[in-house]
C-alpha atoms as a PDB file:
ATOM      1  CA  GLU A   1      25.665 -21.948  15.980  1.00  0.00           C
ATOM      2  CA  LEU A   2      22.728 -24.138  14.970  1.00  0.00           C
ATOM      3  CA  ALA A   3      20.620 -21.088  14.165  1.00  0.00           C
ATOM      4  CA  ILE A   4      23.427 -19.654  12.049  1.00  0.00           C
ATOM      5  CA  ALA A   5      23.711 -22.911  10.112  1.00  0.00           C
ATOM      6  CA  GLU A   6      19.940 -23.029   9.540  1.00  0.00           C
ATOM      7  CA  VAL A   7      19.746 -19.455   8.265  1.00  0.00           C
ATOM      8  CA  LYS A   8      22.758 -20.039   5.998  1.00  0.00           C
ATOM      9  CA  ARG A   9      20.958 -23.056   4.561  1.00  0.00           C
ATOM     10  CA  ALA A  10      17.800 -20.962   4.016  1.00  0.00           C
ATOM     11  CA  ARG A  11      19.877 -18.286   2.277  1.00  0.00           C
ATOM     12  CA  GLU A  12      21.073 -20.873  -0.212  1.00  0.00           C
ATOM     13  CA  LEU A  13      17.424 -21.153  -1.302  1.00  0.00           C
ATOM     14  CA  GLU A  14      16.742 -17.394  -1.156  1.00  0.00           C
ATOM     15  CA  PRO A  15      20.122 -15.649  -1.562  1.00  0.00           C
ATOM     16  CA  LEU A  16      18.572 -12.227  -2.237  1.00  0.00           C
ATOM     17  CA  SER A  17      16.316 -12.211   0.825  1.00  0.00           C
ATOM     18  CA  ALA A  18      17.100  -9.141   2.905  1.00  0.00           C
ATOM     19  CA  MET A  19      15.146 -10.613   5.801  1.00  0.00           C
ATOM     20  CA  LEU A  20      17.279 -13.758   5.895  1.00  0.00           C
ATOM     21  CA  GLY A  21      20.450 -11.708   5.573  1.00  0.00           C
ATOM     22  CA  ALA A  22      19.410  -9.435   8.432  1.00  0.00           C
ATOM     23  CA  ASN A  23      18.440 -12.461  10.535  1.00  0.00           C
ATOM     24  CA  LEU A  24      21.843 -14.024   9.896  1.00  0.00           C
ATOM     25  CA  ALA A  25      23.536 -10.770  10.886  1.00  0.00           C
ATOM     26  CA  GLY A  26      21.494 -10.748  14.085  1.00  0.00           C
ATOM     27  CA  TYR A  27      22.513 -14.282  14.925  1.00  0.00           C
ATOM     28  CA  TYR A  28      26.165 -13.360  14.330  1.00  0.00           C
ATOM     29  CA  TYR A  29      25.686 -10.416  16.671  1.00  0.00           C
ATOM     30  CA  TRP A  30      24.238 -12.595  19.443  1.00  0.00           C
ATOM     31  CA  ALA A  31      27.088 -15.071  18.933  1.00  0.00           C
ATOM     32  CA  ARG A  32      29.501 -12.135  19.432  1.00  0.00           C
ATOM     33  CA  ARG A  33      30.799 -12.530  15.912  1.00  0.00           C
ATOM     34  CA  TYR A  34      30.632  -8.796  15.344  1.00  0.00           C
ATOM     35  CA  ASP A  35      32.792  -8.571  12.212  1.00  0.00           C
ATOM     36  CA  GLU A  36      30.548 -11.099  10.477  1.00  0.00           C
ATOM     37  CA  ALA A  37      27.445  -9.277  11.734  1.00  0.00           C
ATOM     38  CA  ILE A  38      28.709  -6.026  10.258  1.00  0.00           C
ATOM     39  CA  ALA A  39      29.781  -7.570   6.940  1.00  0.00           C
ATOM     40  CA  THR A  40      26.479  -9.406   6.534  1.00  0.00           C
ATOM     41  CA  SER A  41      24.491  -6.274   7.424  1.00  0.00           C
ATOM     42  CA  GLU A  42      26.472  -4.218   4.934  1.00  0.00           C
ATOM     43  CA  ALA A  43      25.728  -6.798   2.226  1.00  0.00           C
ATOM     44  CA  VAL A  44      22.008  -6.532   3.026  1.00  0.00           C
ATOM     45  CA  LEU A  45      22.201  -2.746   2.787  1.00  0.00           C
ATOM     46  CA  GLN A  46      23.772  -2.996  -0.667  1.00  0.00           C
ATOM     47  CA  SER A  47      20.557  -4.511  -1.994  1.00  0.00           C
ATOM     48  CA  GLU A  48      18.094  -2.913   0.472  1.00  0.00           C
ATOM     49  CA  PRO A  49      19.555   0.437   1.622  1.00  0.00           C
ATOM     50  CA  GLY A  50      16.713   1.208   4.016  1.00  0.00           C
ATOM     51  CA  TYR A  51      16.574  -2.129   5.824  1.00  0.00           C
ATOM     52  CA  SER A  52      16.475  -0.912   9.425  1.00  0.00           C
ATOM     53  CA  SER A  53      17.395  -4.134  11.219  1.00  0.00           C
ATOM     54  CA  ALA A  54      20.605  -4.353   9.172  1.00  0.00           C
ATOM     55  CA  GLN A  55      21.339  -0.710   9.916  1.00  0.00           C
ATOM     56  CA  SER A  56      20.845  -1.133  13.639  1.00  0.00           C
ATOM     57  CA  CYS A  57      22.863  -4.368  13.705  1.00  0.00           C
ATOM     58  CA  ILE A  58      25.889  -2.478  12.407  1.00  0.00           C
ATOM     59  CA  VAL A  59      25.534   0.173  15.098  1.00  0.00           C
ATOM     60  CA  ARG A  60      24.959  -2.388  17.884  1.00  0.00           C
ATOM     61  CA  SER A  61      27.965  -4.438  16.744  1.00  0.00           C
ATOM     62  CA  LEU A  62      30.223  -1.402  16.733  1.00  0.00           C
ATOM     63  CA  ILE A  63      28.981  -0.446  20.205  1.00  0.00           C
ATOM     64  CA  ALA A  64      29.649  -3.990  21.437  1.00  0.00           C
ATOM     65  CA  GLU A  65      33.199  -3.669  20.134  1.00  0.00           C
ATOM     66  CA  ARG A  66      33.427  -0.315  21.972  1.00  0.00           C
ATOM     67  CA  LYS A  67      33.993   1.498  18.678  1.00  0.00           C
ATOM     68  CA  PHE A  68      31.811   4.398  19.743  1.00  0.00           C
ATOM     69  CA  GLU A  69      32.932   6.957  17.165  1.00  0.00           C
ATOM     70  CA  GLU A  70      32.437   4.472  14.322  1.00  0.00           C
ATOM     71  CA  ALA A  71      29.013   3.590  15.740  1.00  0.00           C
ATOM     72  CA  ARG A  72      28.058   7.252  15.902  1.00  0.00           C
ATOM     73  CA  SER A  73      29.278   7.806  12.332  1.00  0.00           C
ATOM     74  CA  ALA A  74      27.307   4.796  11.090  1.00  0.00           C
ATOM     75  CA  LEU A  75      24.223   6.060  12.898  1.00  0.00           C
ATOM     76  CA  VAL A  76      24.557   9.566  11.463  1.00  0.00           C
ATOM     77  CA  ARG A  77      25.116   8.127   7.963  1.00  0.00           C
ATOM     78  CA  GLN A  78      21.978   6.009   8.180  1.00  0.00           C
ATOM     79  CA  ILE A  79      19.871   8.841   9.606  1.00  0.00           C
ATOM     80  CA  GLY A  80      21.154  11.037   6.784  1.00  0.00           C
ATOM     81  CA  LYS A  81      19.803   8.449   4.353  1.00  0.00           C
ATOM     82  CA  GLY A  82      16.394   8.687   5.993  1.00  0.00           C
ATOM     83  CA  ALA A  83      16.698   5.692   8.312  1.00  0.00           C
ATOM     84  CA  LYS A  84      14.386   5.517  11.284  1.00  0.00           C
ATOM     85  CA  ILE A  85      16.679   4.277  14.054  1.00  0.00           C
ATOM     86  CA  PRO A  86      15.062   3.842  17.481  1.00  0.00           C
ATOM     87  CA  VAL A  87      16.038   6.555  19.974  1.00  0.00           C
ATOM     88  CA  PRO A  88      17.372   4.059  22.585  1.00  0.00           C
ATOM     89  CA  LEU A  89      19.817   2.756  19.976  1.00  0.00           C
ATOM     90  CA  ALA A  90      20.950   6.296  19.214  1.00  0.00           C
ATOM     91  CA  ARG A  91      21.542   6.839  22.922  1.00  0.00           C
ATOM     92  CA  GLN A  92      23.607   3.630  23.107  1.00  0.00           C
ATOM     93  CA  SER A  93      26.112   5.068  20.664  1.00  0.00           C
ATOM     94  CA  ARG A  94      27.268   7.526  23.315  1.00  0.00           C
ATOM     95  CA  PRO A  95      30.008   6.265  25.644  1.00  0.00           C
ATOM     96  CA  SER A  96      29.100   6.190  29.327  1.00  0.00           C
END
């Protein structure tokens, strides 16, 4: 929670920073706040459509929520836009 608060404070100084937005999304993910991770990542992608860490955070969050079809769709959408998603992440989107 401390990390989330610190990154939020940094974003007040640099609200358009894709890096800070993606970092915040990552911290939400690790805190298991998946809806916030997805929403924050989507906001980053509005301003920086190719930002790979935001793209992968969406997919990882959907996988964590066991929303495998949505994760696969998000992955396919991002690959269709030219995203370079790591192969292990693509494999994660398949249910075991």
